[in-house]
């Protein structure tokens, strides 16, 4: 089975290269300043409780040059107002790319339970936000995470459910609550027959104004078990984050940011910042970087 998966993965990468495309929330408060070394990671074994700290050397990481998406010319169009909720419910959750977006039911050491989101980046590997697996104010590492790809209502999991065996996230998040390191990679206790193609743009500043779709599971009352999406544009970029004009709320953290033109996952929903109290907000998504793509590949069978 693992051999078949490796062949399928290689075939997908070759197909993307031949077609000219080089491929490759839970609510919380935290810091938004300072740089982060994404290669310093913390792993938590959900089965044994063992915590392992790693420092990954760049030269030892897998080659991810095939994961780079080439930049194209885009028109700048950032004249949208976030104040109006333009999210739409996704009903065809078993179609791509929606089948790769997962609903998370997360329980923490203090007994609280929240909704979160995630994205399958391999048959048995999930990418989500670090604050979905580790929350400082709720006792630390999540004690249980139920993961349902394409969930479509309470107790409606068309592809089944999975649970983590091991969680890996940025040490910068655990130590400093820095949203520049708000990512987590989860190894699952079972495989699914689907996963989302992902990649990164080296010239990420050129992505200003590009069209993206944010997909996840809102925590709003009445919406929390259903998938919602909104398409808009990137309005600001930094080395680690995109600021987007897509509408989103708590619970969608860890969900997918899909590049409309290429169809690839280029970021995960991370956090919201209040720019003008009660009036103006900025929604941020963590950008997939070469380093993060390499770490994801380390979790392949």
C-alpha atoms as a PDB file:
ATOM      1  CA  UNK A   1       0.000   0.000   0.000  1.00  0.00           C
ATOM      2  CA  UNK A   2       2.795   2.418   0.914  1.00  0.00           C
ATOM      3  CA  UNK A   3       4.550   1.638  -2.376  1.00  0.00           C
ATOM      4  CA  UNK A   4       1.358   2.442  -4.290  1.00  0.00           C
ATOM      5  CA  UNK A   5       1.063   5.747  -2.458  1.00  0.00           C
ATOM      6  CA  UNK A   6       4.662   6.705  -3.261  1.00  0.00           C
ATOM      7  CA  UNK A   7       4.073   5.928  -6.960  1.00  0.00           C
ATOM      8  CA  UNK A   8       0.869   8.002  -6.951  1.00  0.00           C
ATOM      9  CA  UNK A   9       2.663  10.921  -5.274  1.00  0.00           C
ATOM     10  CA  UNK A  10       5.529  10.812  -7.764  1.00  0.00           C
ATOM     11  CA  UNK A  11       3.065  10.605 -10.640  1.00  0.00           C
ATOM     12  CA  UNK A  12       1.225  13.699  -9.427  1.00  0.00           C
ATOM     13  CA  UNK A  13       4.437  15.692  -9.142  1.00  0.00           C
ATOM     14  CA  UNK A  14       5.565  14.597 -12.615  1.00  0.00           C
ATOM     15  CA  UNK A  15       2.161  15.504 -14.073  1.00  0.00           C
ATOM     16  CA  UNK A  16       2.371  18.963 -12.537  1.00  0.00           C
ATOM     17  CA  UNK A  17       5.880  19.495 -13.841  1.00  0.00           C
ATOM     18  CA  UNK A  18       4.895  18.368 -17.359  1.00  0.00           C
ATOM     19  CA  UNK A  19       1.922  20.737 -17.397  1.00  0.00           C
ATOM     20  CA  UNK A  20       4.159  23.685 -16.580  1.00  0.00           C
ATOM     21  CA  UNK A  21       3.185  24.150 -12.945  1.00  0.00           C
ATOM     22  CA  UNK A  22       6.013  23.539 -10.534  1.00  0.00           C
ATOM     23  CA  UNK A  23       4.190  22.120  -7.576  1.00  0.00           C
ATOM     24  CA  UNK A  24       5.106  21.407  -4.718  1.00  0.00           C
ATOM     25  CA  UNK A  25     -10.207  27.771  14.656  1.00  0.00           C
ATOM     26  CA  UNK A  26     -10.406  27.691  17.437  1.00  0.00           C
ATOM     27  CA  UNK A  27     -10.162  31.294  18.748  1.00  0.00           C
ATOM     28  CA  UNK A  28      -7.022  32.453  20.577  1.00  0.00           C
ATOM     29  CA  UNK A  29      -4.883  35.538  21.080  1.00  0.00           C
ATOM     30  CA  UNK A  30      -1.160  35.719  20.423  1.00  0.00           C
ATOM     31  CA  UNK A  31       1.779  37.720  19.172  1.00  0.00           C
ATOM     32  CA  UNK A  32       2.134  38.935  15.614  1.00  0.00           C
ATOM     33  CA  UNK A  33       5.657  40.350  15.648  1.00  0.00           C
ATOM     34  CA  UNK A  34       9.175  39.038  15.309  1.00  0.00           C
ATOM     35  CA  UNK A  35      10.671  36.348  13.105  1.00  0.00           C
ATOM     36  CA  UNK A  36      10.291  32.617  13.594  1.00  0.00           C
ATOM     37  CA  UNK A  37      12.622  29.733  12.851  1.00  0.00           C
ATOM     38  CA  UNK A  38      10.108  27.250  11.429  1.00  0.00           C
ATOM     39  CA  UNK A  39      12.661  24.450  11.548  1.00  0.00           C
ATOM     40  CA  UNK A  40      12.564  24.272  15.365  1.00  0.00           C
ATOM     41  CA  UNK A  41       9.718  21.925  16.122  1.00  0.00           C
ATOM     42  CA  UNK A  42       7.991  20.202  19.017  1.00  0.00           C
ATOM     43  CA  UNK A  43       6.338  16.792  18.617  1.00  0.00           C
ATOM     44  CA  UNK A  44       3.678  15.419  20.955  1.00  0.00           C
ATOM     45  CA  UNK A  45       2.798  11.736  20.925  1.00  0.00           C
ATOM     46  CA  UNK A  46      -0.967  11.588  21.548  1.00  0.00           C
ATOM     47  CA  UNK A  47      -0.736   7.919  22.540  1.00  0.00           C
ATOM     48  CA  UNK A  48       2.180   8.032  25.015  1.00  0.00           C
ATOM     49  CA  UNK A  49       2.296  11.697  26.014  1.00  0.00           C
ATOM     50  CA  UNK A  50       5.984  11.911  25.040  1.00  0.00           C
ATOM     51  CA  UNK A  51       7.238  15.354  23.976  1.00  0.00           C
ATOM     52  CA  UNK A  52      10.225  15.620  21.630  1.00  0.00           C
ATOM     53  CA  UNK A  53      12.115  18.751  20.586  1.00  0.00           C
ATOM     54  CA  UNK A  54      13.832  18.851  17.192  1.00  0.00           C
ATOM     55  CA  UNK A  55      16.140  21.230  15.361  1.00  0.00           C
ATOM     56  CA  UNK A  56      15.990  20.434  11.636  1.00  0.00           C
ATOM     57  CA  UNK A  57      18.922  21.436   9.448  1.00  0.00           C
ATOM     58  CA  UNK A  58      18.064  23.026   6.094  1.00  0.00           C
ATOM     59  CA  UNK A  59      20.553  20.919   4.166  1.00  0.00           C
ATOM     60  CA  UNK A  60      18.973  17.716   5.512  1.00  0.00           C
ATOM     61  CA  UNK A  61      15.452  18.579   4.359  1.00  0.00           C
ATOM     62  CA  UNK A  62      13.942  16.890   1.280  1.00  0.00           C
ATOM     63  CA  UNK A  63      14.188  18.748  -2.024  1.00  0.00           C
ATOM     64  CA  UNK A  64      10.968  20.719  -2.510  1.00  0.00           C
ATOM     65  CA  UNK A  65      11.901  22.555  -5.704  1.00  0.00           C
ATOM     66  CA  UNK A  66       9.128  20.651  -7.500  1.00  0.00           C
ATOM     67  CA  UNK A  67       6.624  22.243  -5.130  1.00  0.00           C
ATOM     68  CA  UNK A  68       7.246  25.797  -6.281  1.00  0.00           C
ATOM     69  CA  UNK A  69       4.370  27.434  -8.141  1.00  0.00           C
ATOM     70  CA  UNK A  70       5.408  29.865 -10.836  1.00  0.00           C
ATOM     71  CA  UNK A  71       4.194  33.454 -10.537  1.00  0.00           C
ATOM     72  CA  UNK A  72       1.940  34.873 -13.235  1.00  0.00           C
ATOM     73  CA  UNK A  73       0.670  38.373 -13.913  1.00  0.00           C
ATOM     74  CA  UNK A  74      -2.366  39.303 -11.822  1.00  0.00           C
ATOM     75  CA  UNK A  75      -4.580  42.365 -11.671  1.00  0.00           C
ATOM     76  CA  UNK A  76      -4.696  44.141  -8.310  1.00  0.00           C
ATOM     77  CA  UNK A  77      -8.238  44.150  -6.979  1.00  0.00           C
ATOM     78  CA  UNK A  78      -8.496  44.804  -3.261  1.00  0.00           C
ATOM     79  CA  UNK A  79     -11.565  47.042  -3.158  1.00  0.00           C
ATOM     80  CA  UNK A  80     -13.758  44.695  -1.162  1.00  0.00           C
ATOM     81  CA  UNK A  81     -15.371  45.315   2.235  1.00  0.00           C
ATOM     82  CA  UNK A  82     -14.988  42.609   4.880  1.00  0.00           C
ATOM     83  CA  UNK A  83     -17.925  44.019   6.836  1.00  0.00           C
ATOM     84  CA  UNK A  84     -20.494  42.075   4.738  1.00  0.00           C
ATOM     85  CA  UNK A  85     -20.453  38.313   5.288  1.00  0.00           C
ATOM     86  CA  UNK A  86     -20.086  36.730   1.844  1.00  0.00           C
ATOM     87  CA  UNK A  87     -19.444  33.176   2.970  1.00  0.00           C
ATOM     88  CA  UNK A  88     -21.464  30.448   1.299  1.00  0.00           C
ATOM     89  CA  UNK A  89     -22.218  26.994   2.627  1.00  0.00           C
ATOM     90  CA  UNK A  90     -20.586  24.127   0.731  1.00  0.00           C
ATOM     91  CA  UNK A  91     -23.049  21.282   0.246  1.00  0.00           C
ATOM     92  CA  UNK A  92     -21.008  19.112  -2.160  1.00  0.00           C
ATOM     93  CA  UNK A  93     -18.403  18.377   0.515  1.00  0.00           C
ATOM     94  CA  UNK A  94     -17.299  15.091  -1.084  1.00  0.00           C
ATOM     95  CA  UNK A  95     -16.093  16.871  -4.233  1.00  0.00           C
ATOM     96  CA  UNK A  96     -12.556  18.252  -4.561  1.00  0.00           C
ATOM     97  CA  UNK A  97     -11.117  20.320  -3.043  1.00  0.00           C
ATOM     98  CA  UNK A  98     -13.746  20.291  -0.277  1.00  0.00           C
ATOM     99  CA  UNK A  99     -13.288  16.600   0.550  1.00  0.00           C
ATOM    100  CA  UNK A 100      -9.750  17.464   1.672  1.00  0.00           C
ATOM    101  CA  UNK A 101     -10.909  20.061   4.221  1.00  0.00           C
ATOM    102  CA  UNK A 102     -11.614  18.606   7.648  1.00  0.00           C
ATOM    103  CA  UNK A 103     -13.799  19.509  10.591  1.00  0.00           C
ATOM    104  CA  UNK A 104     -12.010  19.197  13.930  1.00  0.00           C
ATOM    105  CA  UNK A 105     -13.704  18.639  17.289  1.00  0.00           C
ATOM    106  CA  UNK A 106     -10.982  19.515  19.795  1.00  0.00           C
ATOM    107  CA  UNK A 107     -10.891  18.800  23.539  1.00  0.00           C
ATOM    108  CA  UNK A 108      -8.318  20.439  25.826  1.00  0.00           C
ATOM    109  CA  UNK A 109      -6.936  19.563  29.283  1.00  0.00           C
ATOM    110  CA  UNK A 110      -9.263  22.057  31.012  1.00  0.00           C
ATOM    111  CA  UNK A 111     -12.267  20.172  29.629  1.00  0.00           C
ATOM    112  CA  UNK A 112     -13.281  22.763  27.029  1.00  0.00           C
ATOM    113  CA  UNK A 113     -14.251  21.690  23.507  1.00  0.00           C
ATOM    114  CA  UNK A 114     -13.974  23.826  20.369  1.00  0.00           C
ATOM    115  CA  UNK A 115     -14.422  23.599  16.607  1.00  0.00           C
ATOM    116  CA  UNK A 116     -11.396  23.834  14.315  1.00  0.00           C
ATOM    117  CA  UNK A 117     -10.473  23.052  10.704  1.00  0.00           C
ATOM    118  CA  UNK A 118      -7.650  21.305   8.877  1.00  0.00           C
ATOM    119  CA  UNK A 119      -6.504  20.120   5.433  1.00  0.00           C
ATOM    120  CA  UNK A 120      -5.370  16.670   4.338  1.00  0.00           C
ATOM    121  CA  UNK A 121      -1.955  17.139   2.725  1.00  0.00           C
ATOM    122  CA  UNK A 122      -1.408  13.408   2.352  1.00  0.00           C
ATOM    123  CA  UNK A 123      -3.521  10.268   2.778  1.00  0.00           C
ATOM    124  CA  UNK A 124      -2.809  10.161   6.515  1.00  0.00           C
ATOM    125  CA  UNK A 125      -1.320  13.608   7.223  1.00  0.00           C
ATOM    126  CA  UNK A 126      -3.259  16.710   8.274  1.00  0.00           C
ATOM    127  CA  UNK A 127      -2.115  20.342   8.234  1.00  0.00           C
ATOM    128  CA  UNK A 128      -3.816  22.743  10.647  1.00  0.00           C
ATOM    129  CA  UNK A 129      -3.134  25.758  12.853  1.00  0.00           C
ATOM    130  CA  UNK A 130      -0.899  25.291  15.895  1.00  0.00           C
ATOM    131  CA  UNK A 131      -3.476  26.964  18.116  1.00  0.00           C
ATOM    132  CA  UNK A 132      -5.872  24.146  17.224  1.00  0.00           C
ATOM    133  CA  UNK A 133      -3.570  21.578  18.864  1.00  0.00           C
ATOM    134  CA  UNK A 134      -1.908  23.638  21.589  1.00  0.00           C
ATOM    135  CA  UNK A 135      -3.644  26.426  23.503  1.00  0.00           C
ATOM    136  CA  UNK A 136      -1.819  28.068  26.364  1.00  0.00           C
ATOM    137  CA  UNK A 137      -5.000  29.219  28.106  1.00  0.00           C
ATOM    138  CA  UNK A 138      -6.702  25.814  27.890  1.00  0.00           C
ATOM    139  CA  UNK A 139      -3.975  23.695  29.463  1.00  0.00           C
ATOM    140  CA  UNK A 140      -1.594  23.045  26.556  1.00  0.00           C
ATOM    141  CA  UNK A 141      -1.763  20.063  24.201  1.00  0.00           C
ATOM    142  CA  UNK A 142      -5.209  18.930  23.066  1.00  0.00           C
ATOM    143  CA  UNK A 143      -6.273  15.676  24.695  1.00  0.00           C
ATOM    144  CA  UNK A 144      -8.493  14.579  21.790  1.00  0.00           C
ATOM    145  CA  UNK A 145      -9.084  15.701  18.202  1.00  0.00           C
ATOM    146  CA  UNK A 146     -11.791  14.130  16.060  1.00  0.00           C
ATOM    147  CA  UNK A 147     -11.019  14.740  12.374  1.00  0.00           C
ATOM    148  CA  UNK A 148     -13.733  14.438   9.707  1.00  0.00           C
ATOM    149  CA  UNK A 149     -12.878  15.209   6.046  1.00  0.00           C
ATOM    150  CA  UNK A 150     -15.835  16.728   4.224  1.00  0.00           C
ATOM    151  CA  UNK A 151     -18.029  16.785   7.337  1.00  0.00           C
ATOM    152  CA  UNK A 152     -21.493  17.987   6.408  1.00  0.00           C
ATOM    153  CA  UNK A 153     -23.583  18.439   9.537  1.00  0.00           C
ATOM    154  CA  UNK A 154     -23.561  17.002  13.042  1.00  0.00           C
ATOM    155  CA  UNK A 155     -22.837  13.253  12.978  1.00  0.00           C
ATOM    156  CA  UNK A 156     -22.531  13.382   9.178  1.00  0.00           C
ATOM    157  CA  UNK A 157     -18.992  12.291   8.265  1.00  0.00           C
ATOM    158  CA  UNK A 158     -19.212  10.971   4.667  1.00  0.00           C
ATOM    159  CA  UNK A 159     -15.546   9.904   4.543  1.00  0.00           C
ATOM    160  CA  UNK A 160     -15.337   8.715   8.146  1.00  0.00           C
ATOM    161  CA  UNK A 161     -13.229  10.043  11.004  1.00  0.00           C
ATOM    162  CA  UNK A 162      -9.648   9.818  12.232  1.00  0.00           C
ATOM    163  CA  UNK A 163      -7.653  10.704  15.340  1.00  0.00           C
ATOM    164  CA  UNK A 164      -4.051  11.894  15.797  1.00  0.00           C
ATOM    165  CA  UNK A 165      -1.210   9.609  16.740  1.00  0.00           C
ATOM    166  CA  UNK A 166       1.434  12.334  16.718  1.00  0.00           C
ATOM    167  CA  UNK A 167       1.284  16.127  16.535  1.00  0.00           C
ATOM    168  CA  UNK A 168       4.166  18.347  15.393  1.00  0.00           C
ATOM    169  CA  UNK A 169       4.182  22.128  15.554  1.00  0.00           C
ATOM    170  CA  UNK A 170       6.491  25.125  15.722  1.00  0.00           C
ATOM    171  CA  UNK A 171       8.459  25.559  18.933  1.00  0.00           C
ATOM    172  CA  UNK A 172       7.993  29.286  18.387  1.00  0.00           C
ATOM    173  CA  UNK A 173       4.233  28.869  18.894  1.00  0.00           C
ATOM    174  CA  UNK A 174       4.561  26.734  22.020  1.00  0.00           C
ATOM    175  CA  UNK A 175       7.194  28.991  23.609  1.00  0.00           C
ATOM    176  CA  UNK A 176       6.129  32.456  22.443  1.00  0.00           C
ATOM    177  CA  UNK A 177       2.565  32.169  21.088  1.00  0.00           C
ATOM    178  CA  UNK A 178       3.825  33.697  17.847  1.00  0.00           C
ATOM    179  CA  UNK A 179       1.347  33.485  14.973  1.00  0.00           C
ATOM    180  CA  UNK A 180       4.223  33.462  12.476  1.00  0.00           C
ATOM    181  CA  UNK A 181       4.651  29.840  13.604  1.00  0.00           C
ATOM    182  CA  UNK A 182       0.949  28.968  13.760  1.00  0.00           C
ATOM    183  CA  UNK A 183       1.137  25.616  11.957  1.00  0.00           C
ATOM    184  CA  UNK A 184       0.795  21.997  13.023  1.00  0.00           C
ATOM    185  CA  UNK A 185       1.288  18.709  11.183  1.00  0.00           C
ATOM    186  CA  UNK A 186      -0.724  15.731  12.449  1.00  0.00           C
ATOM    187  CA  UNK A 187      -0.106  12.041  11.714  1.00  0.00           C
ATOM    188  CA  UNK A 188      -3.446  10.201  11.627  1.00  0.00           C
ATOM    189  CA  UNK A 189      -4.412   6.742  12.839  1.00  0.00           C
ATOM    190  CA  UNK A 190      -5.920   5.876   9.453  1.00  0.00           C
ATOM    191  CA  UNK A 191      -5.643   6.811   5.779  1.00  0.00           C
ATOM    192  CA  UNK A 192      -8.177   8.448   3.474  1.00  0.00           C
ATOM    193  CA  UNK A 193      -8.389   8.116  -0.307  1.00  0.00           C
ATOM    194  CA  UNK A 194      -7.745  11.799  -0.925  1.00  0.00           C
ATOM    195  CA  UNK A 195      -5.368  14.673  -0.241  1.00  0.00           C
ATOM    196  CA  UNK A 196      -4.903  18.273  -1.299  1.00  0.00           C
ATOM    197  CA  UNK A 197      -2.117  19.336  -3.662  1.00  0.00           C
ATOM    198  CA  UNK A 198      -0.081  22.152  -2.143  1.00  0.00           C
ATOM    199  CA  UNK A 199       2.756  24.464  -3.048  1.00  0.00           C
ATOM    200  CA  UNK A 200       4.508  27.747  -2.358  1.00  0.00           C
ATOM    201  CA  UNK A 201       5.372  30.952  -4.194  1.00  0.00           C
ATOM    202  CA  UNK A 202       8.964  32.046  -3.685  1.00  0.00           C
ATOM    203  CA  UNK A 203       8.111  35.543  -4.890  1.00  0.00           C
ATOM    204  CA  UNK A 204       5.249  35.834  -2.425  1.00  0.00           C
ATOM    205  CA  UNK A 205       5.056  39.634  -2.719  1.00  0.00           C
ATOM    206  CA  UNK A 206       3.916  39.156  -6.313  1.00  0.00           C
ATOM    207  CA  UNK A 207       0.781  37.471  -4.932  1.00  0.00           C
ATOM    208  CA  UNK A 208      -0.688  40.770  -3.753  1.00  0.00           C
ATOM    209  CA  UNK A 209      -4.184  41.010  -5.215  1.00  0.00           C
ATOM    210  CA  UNK A 210      -4.462  37.381  -6.329  1.00  0.00           C
ATOM    211  CA  UNK A 211      -7.745  35.551  -5.951  1.00  0.00           C
ATOM    212  CA  UNK A 212      -7.964  32.992  -3.131  1.00  0.00           C
ATOM    213  CA  UNK A 213     -10.684  30.909  -1.486  1.00  0.00           C
ATOM    214  CA  UNK A 214     -10.781  30.374   2.295  1.00  0.00           C
ATOM    215  CA  UNK A 215     -12.535  27.141   3.338  1.00  0.00           C
ATOM    216  CA  UNK A 216     -13.306  25.918   6.843  1.00  0.00           C
ATOM    217  CA  UNK A 217     -15.837  25.223   9.578  1.00  0.00           C
ATOM    218  CA  UNK A 218     -17.085  28.348  11.402  1.00  0.00           C
ATOM    219  CA  UNK A 219     -17.685  28.254  15.137  1.00  0.00           C
ATOM    220  CA  UNK A 220     -20.727  30.518  14.802  1.00  0.00           C
ATOM    221  CA  UNK A 221     -23.836  29.149  16.506  1.00  0.00           C
ATOM    222  CA  UNK A 222     -25.793  27.088  14.011  1.00  0.00           C
ATOM    223  CA  UNK A 223     -22.950  26.886  11.485  1.00  0.00           C
ATOM    224  CA  UNK A 224     -20.370  24.931  13.436  1.00  0.00           C
ATOM    225  CA  UNK A 225     -20.845  21.527  11.787  1.00  0.00           C
ATOM    226  CA  UNK A 226     -21.006  22.817   8.225  1.00  0.00           C
ATOM    227  CA  UNK A 227     -18.359  23.864   5.716  1.00  0.00           C
ATOM    228  CA  UNK A 228     -18.267  27.456   4.452  1.00  0.00           C
ATOM    229  CA  UNK A 229     -16.106  29.235   1.879  1.00  0.00           C
ATOM    230  CA  UNK A 230     -15.471  32.734   0.568  1.00  0.00           C
ATOM    231  CA  UNK A 231     -13.426  33.877  -2.422  1.00  0.00           C
ATOM    232  CA  UNK A 232     -11.661  37.230  -2.412  1.00  0.00           C
ATOM    233  CA  UNK A 233      -8.098  38.541  -2.726  1.00  0.00           C
ATOM    234  CA  UNK A 234      -4.788  38.873  -0.907  1.00  0.00           C
ATOM    235  CA  UNK A 235      -4.414  42.454   0.346  1.00  0.00           C
ATOM    236  CA  UNK A 236      -1.058  42.308   2.186  1.00  0.00           C
ATOM    237  CA  UNK A 237       1.868  39.910   2.498  1.00  0.00           C
ATOM    238  CA  UNK A 238       4.751  39.261   4.866  1.00  0.00           C
ATOM    239  CA  UNK A 239       7.393  36.544   4.925  1.00  0.00           C
ATOM    240  CA  UNK A 240       5.113  34.215   6.881  1.00  0.00           C
ATOM    241  CA  UNK A 241       1.566  35.490   6.465  1.00  0.00           C
ATOM    242  CA  UNK A 242      -1.016  36.572   3.910  1.00  0.00           C
ATOM    243  CA  UNK A 243      -3.654  39.127   4.874  1.00  0.00           C
ATOM    244  CA  UNK A 244      -6.809  38.284   2.927  1.00  0.00           C
ATOM    245  CA  UNK A 245     -10.188  39.924   2.348  1.00  0.00           C
ATOM    246  CA  UNK A 246     -12.037  36.605   2.645  1.00  0.00           C
ATOM    247  CA  UNK A 247     -14.678  36.426   5.375  1.00  0.00           C
ATOM    248  CA  UNK A 248     -13.979  33.953   8.173  1.00  0.00           C
ATOM    249  CA  UNK A 249     -14.677  33.430  11.864  1.00  0.00           C
ATOM    250  CA  UNK A 250     -13.296  31.390  14.745  1.00  0.00           C
ATOM    251  CA  UNK A 251     -13.492  27.679  14.030  1.00  0.00           C
ATOM    252  CA  UNK A 252     -12.197  28.126  10.497  1.00  0.00           C
ATOM    253  CA  UNK A 253      -8.672  28.276  11.922  1.00  0.00           C
ATOM    254  CA  UNK A 254      -6.505  25.642  10.268  1.00  0.00           C
ATOM    255  CA  UNK A 255      -8.711  25.607   7.175  1.00  0.00           C
ATOM    256  CA  UNK A 256      -7.553  25.877   3.583  1.00  0.00           C
ATOM    257  CA  UNK A 257      -6.432  28.933   1.635  1.00  0.00           C
ATOM    258  CA  UNK A 258      -6.651  27.807  -1.996  1.00  0.00           C
ATOM    259  CA  UNK A 259      -5.067  29.730  -4.879  1.00  0.00           C
ATOM    260  CA  UNK A 260      -7.921  30.066  -7.391  1.00  0.00           C
ATOM    261  CA  UNK A 261      -5.733  30.097 -10.511  1.00  0.00           C
ATOM    262  CA  UNK A 262      -3.606  27.041  -9.732  1.00  0.00           C
ATOM    263  CA  UNK A 263      -5.998  25.163  -7.437  1.00  0.00           C
ATOM    264  CA  UNK A 264      -3.231  24.518  -4.920  1.00  0.00           C
ATOM    265  CA  UNK A 265      -3.210  25.006  -1.172  1.00  0.00           C
ATOM    266  CA  UNK A 266      -0.895  27.969  -0.466  1.00  0.00           C
ATOM    267  CA  UNK A 267      -1.805  28.765   3.143  1.00  0.00           C
ATOM    268  CA  UNK A 268      -3.876  27.877   6.196  1.00  0.00           C
ATOM    269  CA  UNK A 269      -6.341  30.101   8.037  1.00  0.00           C
ATOM    270  CA  UNK A 270      -4.632  31.455  11.132  1.00  0.00           C
ATOM    271  CA  UNK A 271      -5.916  34.528  12.948  1.00  0.00           C
ATOM    272  CA  UNK A 272      -7.900  37.741  12.954  1.00  0.00           C
ATOM    273  CA  UNK A 273      -6.678  41.127  14.130  1.00  0.00           C
ATOM    274  CA  UNK A 274      -8.839  44.101  15.028  1.00  0.00           C
ATOM    275  CA  UNK A 275      -7.409  47.114  13.190  1.00  0.00           C
ATOM    276  CA  UNK A 276     -10.038  49.665  14.229  1.00  0.00           C
ATOM    277  CA  UNK A 277     -12.045  48.574  17.320  1.00  0.00           C
ATOM    278  CA  UNK A 278     -15.416  47.250  16.238  1.00  0.00           C
ATOM    279  CA  UNK A 279     -15.048  48.514  12.677  1.00  0.00           C
ATOM    280  CA  UNK A 280     -12.083  47.157  10.735  1.00  0.00           C
ATOM    281  CA  UNK A 281     -10.504  43.710  10.786  1.00  0.00           C
ATOM    282  CA  UNK A 282      -7.696  41.869   9.018  1.00  0.00           C
ATOM    283  CA  UNK A 283      -7.902  38.130   8.406  1.00  0.00           C
ATOM    284  CA  UNK A 284      -4.557  36.389   8.222  1.00  0.00           C
ATOM    285  CA  UNK A 285      -3.443  33.057   6.803  1.00  0.00           C
ATOM    286  CA  UNK A 286      -0.099  31.381   7.394  1.00  0.00           C
ATOM    287  CA  UNK A 287       1.847  31.112   4.138  1.00  0.00           C
ATOM    288  CA  UNK A 288       3.235  27.770   3.041  1.00  0.00           C
ATOM    289  CA  UNK A 289       7.014  28.179   2.823  1.00  0.00           C
ATOM    290  CA  UNK A 290       9.657  25.820   1.372  1.00  0.00           C
ATOM    291  CA  UNK A 291      10.608  24.857   4.938  1.00  0.00           C
ATOM    292  CA  UNK A 292       7.048  23.975   5.907  1.00  0.00           C
ATOM    293  CA  UNK A 293       6.548  22.020   2.682  1.00  0.00           C
ATOM    294  CA  UNK A 294       9.700  20.049   3.500  1.00  0.00           C
ATOM    295  CA  UNK A 295       8.448  19.228   6.975  1.00  0.00           C
ATOM    296  CA  UNK A 296       5.149  18.008   5.522  1.00  0.00           C
ATOM    297  CA  UNK A 297       7.025  15.694   3.146  1.00  0.00           C
ATOM    298  CA  UNK A 298       8.901  14.185   6.088  1.00  0.00           C
ATOM    299  CA  UNK A 299       5.558  12.773   7.266  1.00  0.00           C
ATOM    300  CA  UNK A 300       4.884  10.876   4.025  1.00  0.00           C
ATOM    301  CA  UNK A 301       4.905   7.072   4.393  1.00  0.00           C
END
